[in-house]
Amino acid sequence: MFTTNPFAELSATIPEYAMQAYVIAMVFLVVGGTILDMLHKKSAQYFFENAKKAEKEAKRQVSGGEKMSLAIKTVTSEVITSSEFANPIRRMSHLLIMYGFIIFCATTAILIFMFPTPEAAAPEMVSMLWHIGAIMLCVGGYWFWFFIRVDVYSEGVSLFKLVRADLFIVSLLATCTFALVWSNTQGSDLGWLMFGLFIMSSTILFGGVLWSKFAHMFFKPAAAYQKRITKADGSAENLPADFDLTDPAVQAQFPDIPQYMGKNPANMGLGIKRERPNHY
């Protein structure tokens, strides 16, 4: 199963141009949904207005070379390794979902556009990666859904309660789950049922961008980069600096610190990080 191109066998029933047209249509749905999402939520407008506000409050000019360095750090840290997740378990789950999704989508396009028929035999490695990507996504996704979700783990919400915010992860998991089952049951009545569910869930996934968190994936790197810029130019999103309360210069600037906390303030501890958030 792992080394078989499922789309090549499907081409005996569904023409290759129909499969390719479907993929192209899904790409247009994602692009169109993301644009509508930006117009509806005015997220792009907010982003640019926030950037302009930060420029006015900047305490120093960030050079072009420094901006390039910050962009590279953003890609290598927040995008490639998802370092913003303090919880290593949540981070691993996210990385499995992200890279599984990328591998699954990339190999789907390769198999459909380059090797759509049995005559155009696909390399076994590409077919294997298609299955591995789907498995990676399922492992990370189901791990998140059953054990990591904050509303379930920390707030005691039922595993089976679904809201609109769950549209993305549910359709994502359904797409890869049905894809794997379809690949293993091709040629049978169950296989056709799984294929229908696979197409339905993938259409909801890519066509439901306006109502799901799909577009969030495109805004997240830009927001992370802007946060680095505001730290570099000193505007810090209009937040107070991270002061050392034992520094005499800081105590001179804020005389109420030694007045209420003494000249050597105690370490206030981890705050909300001192214990795991499971209080339901």
C-alpha atoms as a PDB file:
ATOM      1  CA  MET A   1       0.000   0.000   0.000  1.00  0.00           C
ATOM      2  CA  PHE A   2       2.721   2.477   0.982  1.00  0.00           C
ATOM      3  CA  THR A   3       4.508   2.326  -2.357  1.00  0.00           C
ATOM      4  CA  THR A   4       1.359   2.494  -4.514  1.00  0.00           C
ATOM      5  CA  ASN A   5       0.140   5.681  -6.158  1.00  0.00           C
ATOM      6  CA  PRO A   6      -3.611   5.678  -5.339  1.00  0.00           C
ATOM      7  CA  PHE A   7      -4.361   8.317  -7.975  1.00  0.00           C
ATOM      8  CA  ALA A   8      -2.904   6.195 -10.766  1.00  0.00           C
ATOM      9  CA  GLU A   9      -5.426   3.435 -10.048  1.00  0.00           C
ATOM     10  CA  LEU A  10      -8.196   6.036  -9.771  1.00  0.00           C
ATOM     11  CA  SER A  11      -7.405   7.303 -13.286  1.00  0.00           C
ATOM     12  CA  ALA A  12      -9.073   4.179 -14.715  1.00  0.00           C
ATOM     13  CA  THR A  13     -12.402   5.630 -13.551  1.00  0.00           C
ATOM     14  CA  ILE A  14     -11.827   9.375 -13.203  1.00  0.00           C
ATOM     15  CA  PRO A  15      -9.891  11.185 -15.998  1.00  0.00           C
ATOM     16  CA  GLU A  16      -6.593  12.732 -14.981  1.00  0.00           C
ATOM     17  CA  TYR A  17      -7.720  16.175 -16.155  1.00  0.00           C
ATOM     18  CA  ALA A  18     -10.655  15.996 -13.718  1.00  0.00           C
ATOM     19  CA  MET A  19      -8.310  15.261 -10.820  1.00  0.00           C
ATOM     20  CA  GLN A  20      -5.995  18.093 -11.863  1.00  0.00           C
ATOM     21  CA  ALA A  21      -8.923  20.499 -12.251  1.00  0.00           C
ATOM     22  CA  TYR A  22     -10.071  19.619  -8.723  1.00  0.00           C
ATOM     23  CA  VAL A  23      -6.643  20.422  -7.267  1.00  0.00           C
ATOM     24  CA  ILE A  24      -6.518  23.752  -9.117  1.00  0.00           C
ATOM     25  CA  ALA A  25     -10.027  24.567  -7.894  1.00  0.00           C
ATOM     26  CA  MET A  26      -8.962  23.895  -4.286  1.00  0.00           C
ATOM     27  CA  VAL A  27      -5.996  26.278  -4.695  1.00  0.00           C
ATOM     28  CA  PHE A  28      -8.341  29.013  -5.940  1.00  0.00           C
ATOM     29  CA  LEU A  29     -10.677  28.358  -3.019  1.00  0.00           C
ATOM     30  CA  VAL A  30      -7.825  28.816  -0.534  1.00  0.00           C
ATOM     31  CA  VAL A  31      -6.630  32.035  -2.210  1.00  0.00           C
ATOM     32  CA  GLY A  32     -10.157  33.424  -2.530  1.00  0.00           C
ATOM     33  CA  GLY A  33     -11.105  32.408   1.008  1.00  0.00           C
ATOM     34  CA  THR A  34      -7.979  34.017   2.448  1.00  0.00           C
ATOM     35  CA  ILE A  35      -8.659  37.285   0.606  1.00  0.00           C
ATOM     36  CA  LEU A  36     -12.291  37.300   1.771  1.00  0.00           C
ATOM     37  CA  ASP A  37     -11.122  36.529   5.302  1.00  0.00           C
ATOM     38  CA  MET A  38      -8.786  39.543   5.222  1.00  0.00           C
ATOM     39  CA  LEU A  39     -11.569  41.786   3.920  1.00  0.00           C
ATOM     40  CA  HIS A  40     -14.135  40.493   6.389  1.00  0.00           C
ATOM     41  CA  LYS A  41     -11.950  40.596   9.521  1.00  0.00           C
ATOM     42  CA  LYS A  42      -9.877  43.566   8.293  1.00  0.00           C
ATOM     43  CA  SER A  43      -6.817  41.698   9.540  1.00  0.00           C
ATOM     44  CA  ALA A  44      -4.510  43.092   6.846  1.00  0.00           C
ATOM     45  CA  GLN A  45      -5.752  46.633   7.561  1.00  0.00           C
ATOM     46  CA  TYR A  46      -5.134  46.136  11.284  1.00  0.00           C
ATOM     47  CA  PHE A  47      -1.661  44.709  10.597  1.00  0.00           C
ATOM     48  CA  PHE A  48      -0.548  47.673   8.461  1.00  0.00           C
ATOM     49  CA  GLU A  49      -2.082  50.259  10.800  1.00  0.00           C
ATOM     50  CA  ASN A  50      -0.362  48.600  13.760  1.00  0.00           C
ATOM     51  CA  ALA A  51       2.946  48.631  11.862  1.00  0.00           C
ATOM     52  CA  LYS A  52       2.562  52.361  11.105  1.00  0.00           C
ATOM     53  CA  LYS A  53       1.767  53.069  14.763  1.00  0.00           C
ATOM     54  CA  ALA A  54       4.866  51.122  15.823  1.00  0.00           C
ATOM     55  CA  GLU A  55       7.012  53.175  13.420  1.00  0.00           C
ATOM     56  CA  LYS A  56       5.869  56.416  15.062  1.00  0.00           C
ATOM     57  CA  GLU A  57       6.674  55.065  18.537  1.00  0.00           C
ATOM     58  CA  ALA A  58      10.037  53.566  17.499  1.00  0.00           C
ATOM     59  CA  LYS A  59      13.034  54.661  19.556  1.00  0.00           C
ATOM     60  CA  ARG A  60      15.602  53.681  16.919  1.00  0.00           C
ATOM     61  CA  GLN A  61      15.750  53.015  13.166  1.00  0.00           C
ATOM     62  CA  VAL A  62      16.073  49.368  12.139  1.00  0.00           C
ATOM     63  CA  SER A  63      18.384  48.965   9.142  1.00  0.00           C
ATOM     64  CA  GLY A  64      17.567  46.898   6.068  1.00  0.00           C
ATOM     65  CA  GLY A  65      20.204  44.335   6.966  1.00  0.00           C
ATOM     66  CA  GLU A  66      18.791  43.973  10.476  1.00  0.00           C
ATOM     67  CA  LYS A  67      15.292  43.539   9.066  1.00  0.00           C
ATOM     68  CA  MET A  68      16.583  40.784   6.776  1.00  0.00           C
ATOM     69  CA  SER A  69      18.254  39.110   9.763  1.00  0.00           C
ATOM     70  CA  LEU A  70      15.002  39.302  11.754  1.00  0.00           C
ATOM     71  CA  ALA A  71      13.070  37.839   8.806  1.00  0.00           C
ATOM     72  CA  ILE A  72      15.484  34.894   8.640  1.00  0.00           C
ATOM     73  CA  LYS A  73      15.193  34.373  12.405  1.00  0.00           C
ATOM     74  CA  THR A  74      11.397  34.432  12.095  1.00  0.00           C
ATOM     75  CA  VAL A  75      11.440  31.775   9.380  1.00  0.00           C
ATOM     76  CA  THR A  76      13.912  29.520  11.185  1.00  0.00           C
ATOM     77  CA  SER A  77      12.355  29.945  14.619  1.00  0.00           C
ATOM     78  CA  GLU A  78       8.609  30.612  14.496  1.00  0.00           C
ATOM     79  CA  VAL A  79       7.951  28.968  11.111  1.00  0.00           C
ATOM     80  CA  ILE A  80      10.329  26.021  10.695  1.00  0.00           C
ATOM     81  CA  THR A  81      10.712  24.951  14.330  1.00  0.00           C
ATOM     82  CA  SER A  82       7.633  26.583  15.974  1.00  0.00           C
ATOM     83  CA  SER A  83       9.752  27.771  18.897  1.00  0.00           C
ATOM     84  CA  GLU A  84       6.939  30.002  20.192  1.00  0.00           C
ATOM     85  CA  PHE A  85       5.331  26.941  21.818  1.00  0.00           C
ATOM     86  CA  ALA A  86       6.615  26.790  25.389  1.00  0.00           C
ATOM     87  CA  ASN A  87       4.990  23.386  25.882  1.00  0.00           C
ATOM     88  CA  PRO A  88       7.249  20.809  24.144  1.00  0.00           C
ATOM     89  CA  ILE A  89       4.358  18.352  23.741  1.00  0.00           C
ATOM     90  CA  ARG A  90       2.183  20.962  22.009  1.00  0.00           C
ATOM     91  CA  ARG A  91       5.154  21.935  19.873  1.00  0.00           C
ATOM     92  CA  MET A  92       5.791  18.354  18.735  1.00  0.00           C
ATOM     93  CA  SER A  93       2.112  17.874  17.907  1.00  0.00           C
ATOM     94  CA  HIS A  94       2.088  21.100  15.902  1.00  0.00           C
ATOM     95  CA  LEU A  95       5.242  20.146  13.970  1.00  0.00           C
ATOM     96  CA  LEU A  96       3.798  16.728  13.089  1.00  0.00           C
ATOM     97  CA  ILE A  97       0.609  18.367  11.814  1.00  0.00           C
ATOM     98  CA  MET A  98       2.423  21.111   9.901  1.00  0.00           C
ATOM     99  CA  TYR A  99       5.046  18.976   8.172  1.00  0.00           C
ATOM    100  CA  GLY A 100       2.597  16.144   7.608  1.00  0.00           C
ATOM    101  CA  PHE A 101       0.229  18.576   5.877  1.00  0.00           C
ATOM    102  CA  ILE A 102       3.014  20.066   3.740  1.00  0.00           C
ATOM    103  CA  ILE A 103       4.289  16.640   2.675  1.00  0.00           C
ATOM    104  CA  PHE A 104       0.773  15.360   1.994  1.00  0.00           C
ATOM    105  CA  CYS A 105      -0.225  18.373  -0.144  1.00  0.00           C
ATOM    106  CA  ALA A 106       3.081  18.498  -2.047  1.00  0.00           C
ATOM    107  CA  THR A 107       3.102  14.798  -2.899  1.00  0.00           C
ATOM    108  CA  THR A 108      -0.592  14.916  -3.853  1.00  0.00           C
ATOM    109  CA  ALA A 109       0.202  17.598  -6.431  1.00  0.00           C
ATOM    110  CA  ILE A 110       3.235  15.645  -7.699  1.00  0.00           C
ATOM    111  CA  LEU A 111       1.313  12.380  -8.055  1.00  0.00           C
ATOM    112  CA  ILE A 112      -1.676  13.980  -9.780  1.00  0.00           C
ATOM    113  CA  PHE A 113       0.164  16.307 -12.159  1.00  0.00           C
ATOM    114  CA  MET A 114       3.300  14.274 -12.908  1.00  0.00           C
ATOM    115  CA  PHE A 115       2.258  10.636 -12.444  1.00  0.00           C
ATOM    116  CA  PRO A 116      -1.533  10.512 -12.879  1.00  0.00           C
ATOM    117  CA  THR A 117      -1.714   7.148 -14.693  1.00  0.00           C
ATOM    118  CA  PRO A 118      -0.210   3.664 -14.213  1.00  0.00           C
ATOM    119  CA  GLU A 119       1.831   4.196 -17.392  1.00  0.00           C
ATOM    120  CA  ALA A 120       3.550   7.215 -15.825  1.00  0.00           C
ATOM    121  CA  ALA A 121       4.876   5.173 -12.938  1.00  0.00           C
ATOM    122  CA  ALA A 122       5.520   7.294  -9.856  1.00  0.00           C
ATOM    123  CA  PRO A 123       8.706   6.709  -7.844  1.00  0.00           C
ATOM    124  CA  GLU A 124       7.959   4.553  -4.829  1.00  0.00           C
ATOM    125  CA  MET A 125       9.472   7.193  -2.568  1.00  0.00           C
ATOM    126  CA  VAL A 126       6.883   9.813  -3.626  1.00  0.00           C
ATOM    127  CA  SER A 127       3.977   7.439  -2.994  1.00  0.00           C
ATOM    128  CA  MET A 128       5.519   6.468   0.335  1.00  0.00           C
ATOM    129  CA  LEU A 129       5.890  10.114   1.339  1.00  0.00           C
ATOM    130  CA  TRP A 130       2.204  10.704   0.510  1.00  0.00           C
ATOM    131  CA  HIS A 131       1.226   8.033   3.024  1.00  0.00           C
ATOM    132  CA  ILE A 132       3.830   9.104   5.589  1.00  0.00           C
ATOM    133  CA  GLY A 133       2.658  12.724   5.418  1.00  0.00           C
ATOM    134  CA  ALA A 134      -0.943  11.663   6.043  1.00  0.00           C
ATOM    135  CA  ILE A 135       0.128   9.445   8.955  1.00  0.00           C
ATOM    136  CA  MET A 136       2.239  12.224  10.499  1.00  0.00           C
ATOM    137  CA  LEU A 137      -0.721  14.596  10.328  1.00  0.00           C
ATOM    138  CA  CYS A 138      -3.076  12.036  11.867  1.00  0.00           C
ATOM    139  CA  VAL A 139      -0.664  11.244  14.717  1.00  0.00           C
ATOM    140  CA  GLY A 140      -0.121  14.927  15.545  1.00  0.00           C
ATOM    141  CA  GLY A 141      -3.768  15.840  14.986  1.00  0.00           C
ATOM    142  CA  TYR A 142      -5.347  13.085  17.062  1.00  0.00           C
ATOM    143  CA  TRP A 143      -2.724  13.648  19.775  1.00  0.00           C
ATOM    144  CA  PHE A 144      -3.797  17.288  19.883  1.00  0.00           C
ATOM    145  CA  TRP A 145      -7.529  16.534  19.699  1.00  0.00           C
ATOM    146  CA  PHE A 146      -7.659  13.965  22.495  1.00  0.00           C
ATOM    147  CA  PHE A 147      -4.871  15.020  24.861  1.00  0.00           C
ATOM    148  CA  ILE A 148      -3.680  18.621  24.299  1.00  0.00           C
ATOM    149  CA  ARG A 149      -6.701  20.806  23.433  1.00  0.00           C
ATOM    150  CA  VAL A 150      -6.811  23.531  26.066  1.00  0.00           C
ATOM    151  CA  ASP A 151     -10.618  23.615  26.336  1.00  0.00           C
ATOM    152  CA  VAL A 152     -10.685  19.853  27.006  1.00  0.00           C
ATOM    153  CA  TYR A 153      -7.535  19.552  29.118  1.00  0.00           C
ATOM    154  CA  SER A 154      -7.832  22.756  31.157  1.00  0.00           C
ATOM    155  CA  GLU A 155     -11.530  23.598  31.083  1.00  0.00           C
ATOM    156  CA  GLY A 156     -13.139  20.173  31.154  1.00  0.00           C
ATOM    157  CA  VAL A 157     -15.090  20.603  27.909  1.00  0.00           C
ATOM    158  CA  SER A 158     -16.373  17.352  26.410  1.00  0.00           C
ATOM    159  CA  LEU A 159     -14.248  15.722  23.704  1.00  0.00           C
ATOM    160  CA  PHE A 160     -17.321  15.470  21.527  1.00  0.00           C
ATOM    161  CA  LYS A 161     -18.422  19.118  21.696  1.00  0.00           C
ATOM    162  CA  LEU A 162     -17.781  20.758  18.319  1.00  0.00           C
ATOM    163  CA  VAL A 163     -17.788  24.479  17.549  1.00  0.00           C
ATOM    164  CA  ARG A 164     -17.043  26.406  14.362  1.00  0.00           C
ATOM    165  CA  ALA A 165     -13.447  26.945  15.485  1.00  0.00           C
ATOM    166  CA  ASP A 166     -12.948  23.169  15.175  1.00  0.00           C
ATOM    167  CA  LEU A 167     -13.792  23.176  11.448  1.00  0.00           C
ATOM    168  CA  PHE A 168     -10.147  23.355  10.372  1.00  0.00           C
ATOM    169  CA  ILE A 169      -8.686  20.584  12.539  1.00  0.00           C
ATOM    170  CA  VAL A 170     -11.682  18.262  12.098  1.00  0.00           C
ATOM    171  CA  SER A 171     -11.758  18.580   8.290  1.00  0.00           C
ATOM    172  CA  LEU A 172      -7.960  18.259   8.210  1.00  0.00           C
ATOM    173  CA  LEU A 173      -8.006  15.037  10.217  1.00  0.00           C
ATOM    174  CA  ALA A 174     -10.936  13.689   8.230  1.00  0.00           C
ATOM    175  CA  THR A 175      -9.176  14.387   4.922  1.00  0.00           C
ATOM    176  CA  CYS A 176      -6.027  12.442   5.811  1.00  0.00           C
ATOM    177  CA  THR A 177      -7.869   9.675   7.667  1.00  0.00           C
ATOM    178  CA  PHE A 178     -10.218   8.965   4.762  1.00  0.00           C
ATOM    179  CA  ALA A 179      -7.298   9.274   2.305  1.00  0.00           C
ATOM    180  CA  LEU A 180      -5.372   6.533   4.101  1.00  0.00           C
ATOM    181  CA  VAL A 181      -8.383   4.228   4.387  1.00  0.00           C
ATOM    182  CA  TRP A 182      -9.282   4.850   0.722  1.00  0.00           C
ATOM    183  CA  SER A 183      -5.744   4.022  -0.382  1.00  0.00           C
ATOM    184  CA  ASN A 184      -5.946   0.695   1.471  1.00  0.00           C
ATOM    185  CA  THR A 185      -9.420  -0.250   0.234  1.00  0.00           C
ATOM    186  CA  GLN A 186      -9.353   0.801  -3.425  1.00  0.00           C
ATOM    187  CA  GLY A 187     -11.408  -1.331  -5.765  1.00  0.00           C
ATOM    188  CA  SER A 188     -14.064  -2.209  -3.184  1.00  0.00           C
ATOM    189  CA  ASP A 189     -17.396  -0.656  -2.248  1.00  0.00           C
ATOM    190  CA  LEU A 190     -15.815   0.557   0.982  1.00  0.00           C
ATOM    191  CA  GLY A 191     -13.044   2.143  -1.062  1.00  0.00           C
ATOM    192  CA  TRP A 192     -15.514   4.220  -3.070  1.00  0.00           C
ATOM    193  CA  LEU A 193     -17.261   5.298   0.139  1.00  0.00           C
ATOM    194  CA  MET A 194     -13.923   6.366   1.643  1.00  0.00           C
ATOM    195  CA  PHE A 195     -13.002   8.201  -1.567  1.00  0.00           C
ATOM    196  CA  GLY A 196     -16.283  10.125  -1.457  1.00  0.00           C
ATOM    197  CA  LEU A 197     -15.672  11.069   2.180  1.00  0.00           C
ATOM    198  CA  PHE A 198     -12.077  12.026   1.323  1.00  0.00           C
ATOM    199  CA  ILE A 199     -13.256  14.412  -1.418  1.00  0.00           C
ATOM    200  CA  MET A 200     -16.033  15.816   0.755  1.00  0.00           C
ATOM    201  CA  SER A 201     -13.752  16.520   3.724  1.00  0.00           C
ATOM    202  CA  SER A 202     -10.986  18.027   1.562  1.00  0.00           C
ATOM    203  CA  THR A 203     -13.541  20.281  -0.141  1.00  0.00           C
ATOM    204  CA  ILE A 204     -14.745  21.466   3.277  1.00  0.00           C
ATOM    205  CA  LEU A 205     -11.123  21.978   4.365  1.00  0.00           C
ATOM    206  CA  PHE A 206     -10.066  24.099   1.391  1.00  0.00           C
ATOM    207  CA  GLY A 207     -13.452  25.645   0.693  1.00  0.00           C
ATOM    208  CA  GLY A 208     -14.154  26.602   4.303  1.00  0.00           C
ATOM    209  CA  VAL A 209     -11.210  28.979   4.731  1.00  0.00           C
ATOM    210  CA  LEU A 210     -13.530  31.920   5.437  1.00  0.00           C
ATOM    211  CA  TRP A 211     -15.114  30.069   8.380  1.00  0.00           C
ATOM    212  CA  SER A 212     -12.074  28.236   9.755  1.00  0.00           C
ATOM    213  CA  LYS A 213      -8.577  28.959  11.075  1.00  0.00           C
ATOM    214  CA  PHE A 214      -6.917  28.054   7.762  1.00  0.00           C
ATOM    215  CA  ALA A 215      -6.010  31.671   6.936  1.00  0.00           C
ATOM    216  CA  HIS A 216      -4.334  31.969  10.330  1.00  0.00           C
ATOM    217  CA  MET A 217      -1.385  29.996   8.937  1.00  0.00           C
ATOM    218  CA  PHE A 218      -0.584  32.844   6.528  1.00  0.00           C
ATOM    219  CA  PHE A 219      -0.885  35.662   9.095  1.00  0.00           C
ATOM    220  CA  LYS A 220       1.130  33.991  11.839  1.00  0.00           C
ATOM    221  CA  PRO A 221       4.628  34.465  10.282  1.00  0.00           C
ATOM    222  CA  ALA A 222       3.878  38.121   9.462  1.00  0.00           C
ATOM    223  CA  ALA A 223       2.722  38.777  13.041  1.00  0.00           C
ATOM    224  CA  ALA A 224       5.828  37.050  14.452  1.00  0.00           C
ATOM    225  CA  TYR A 225       8.082  39.143  12.217  1.00  0.00           C
ATOM    226  CA  GLN A 226       6.331  42.379  13.214  1.00  0.00           C
ATOM    227  CA  LYS A 227       6.773  41.463  16.890  1.00  0.00           C
ATOM    228  CA  ARG A 228      10.526  41.095  16.368  1.00  0.00           C
ATOM    229  CA  ILE A 229      10.647  44.459  14.602  1.00  0.00           C
ATOM    230  CA  THR A 230       8.866  46.218  17.481  1.00  0.00           C
ATOM    231  CA  LYS A 231      11.339  44.736  19.953  1.00  0.00           C
ATOM    232  CA  ALA A 232      14.283  45.830  17.800  1.00  0.00           C
ATOM    233  CA  ASP A 233      13.090  49.424  17.295  1.00  0.00           C
ATOM    234  CA  GLY A 234      12.056  49.888  20.924  1.00  0.00           C
ATOM    235  CA  SER A 235       8.340  50.492  20.335  1.00  0.00           C
ATOM    236  CA  ALA A 236       7.580  47.081  21.906  1.00  0.00           C
ATOM    237  CA  GLU A 237       3.903  47.327  20.906  1.00  0.00           C
ATOM    238  CA  ASN A 238       3.503  50.083  23.529  1.00  0.00           C
ATOM    239  CA  LEU A 239       4.237  47.578  26.325  1.00  0.00           C
ATOM    240  CA  PRO A 240       6.542  48.369  29.282  1.00  0.00           C
ATOM    241  CA  ALA A 241      10.118  47.166  29.094  1.00  0.00           C
ATOM    242  CA  ASP A 242      11.285  44.059  30.942  1.00  0.00           C
ATOM    243  CA  PHE A 243      13.090  45.833  33.780  1.00  0.00           C
ATOM    244  CA  ASP A 244      15.513  44.420  36.333  1.00  0.00           C
ATOM    245  CA  LEU A 245      13.878  45.582  39.562  1.00  0.00           C
ATOM    246  CA  THR A 246      17.175  45.367  41.475  1.00  0.00           C
ATOM    247  CA  ASP A 247      18.888  47.833  39.103  1.00  0.00           C
ATOM    248  CA  PRO A 248      19.511  51.172  40.934  1.00  0.00           C
ATOM    249  CA  ALA A 249      18.791  53.100  37.710  1.00  0.00           C
ATOM    250  CA  VAL A 250      15.388  51.422  37.416  1.00  0.00           C
ATOM    251  CA  GLN A 251      14.657  52.113  41.089  1.00  0.00           C
ATOM    252  CA  ALA A 252      15.581  55.760  40.559  1.00  0.00           C
ATOM    253  CA  GLN A 253      13.227  55.939  37.570  1.00  0.00           C
ATOM    254  CA  PHE A 254      10.415  54.230  39.495  1.00  0.00           C
ATOM    255  CA  PRO A 255      10.874  55.216  43.181  1.00  0.00           C
ATOM    256  CA  ASP A 256       7.780  53.281  44.244  1.00  0.00           C
ATOM    257  CA  ILE A 257       9.654  49.996  43.629  1.00  0.00           C
ATOM    258  CA  PRO A 258      11.993  50.287  46.647  1.00  0.00           C
ATOM    259  CA  GLN A 259       9.201  51.967  48.611  1.00  0.00           C
ATOM    260  CA  TYR A 260       6.871  48.975  48.336  1.00  0.00           C
ATOM    261  CA  MET A 261       9.212  46.096  47.477  1.00  0.00           C
ATOM    262  CA  GLY A 262      12.537  47.069  49.056  1.00  0.00           C
ATOM    263  CA  LYS A 263      15.910  47.704  47.437  1.00  0.00           C
ATOM    264  CA  ASN A 264      16.354  44.014  46.596  1.00  0.00           C
ATOM    265  CA  PRO A 265      12.901  42.807  45.423  1.00  0.00           C
ATOM    266  CA  ALA A 266      12.354  39.069  45.691  1.00  0.00           C
ATOM    267  CA  ASN A 267      11.906  36.937  42.595  1.00  0.00           C
ATOM    268  CA  MET A 268       8.163  36.784  42.040  1.00  0.00           C
ATOM    269  CA  GLY A 269       8.339  33.245  40.681  1.00  0.00           C
ATOM    270  CA  LEU A 270       6.809  31.632  37.623  1.00  0.00           C
ATOM    271  CA  GLY A 271       3.348  33.181  38.029  1.00  0.00           C
ATOM    272  CA  ILE A 272       0.790  31.336  35.923  1.00  0.00           C
ATOM    273  CA  LYS A 273       3.503  28.918  34.771  1.00  0.00           C
ATOM    274  CA  ARG A 274       4.067  27.563  38.266  1.00  0.00           C
ATOM    275  CA  GLU A 275       1.534  24.728  37.732  1.00  0.00           C
ATOM    276  CA  ARG A 276      -0.232  22.959  34.897  1.00  0.00           C
ATOM    277  CA  PRO A 277      -3.617  24.518  33.983  1.00  0.00           C
ATOM    278  CA  ASN A 278      -6.015  21.676  34.795  1.00  0.00           C
ATOM    279  CA  HIS A 279      -8.437  23.114  37.326  1.00  0.00           C
ATOM    280  CA  TYR A 280     -11.795  21.853  36.101  1.00  0.00           C
END
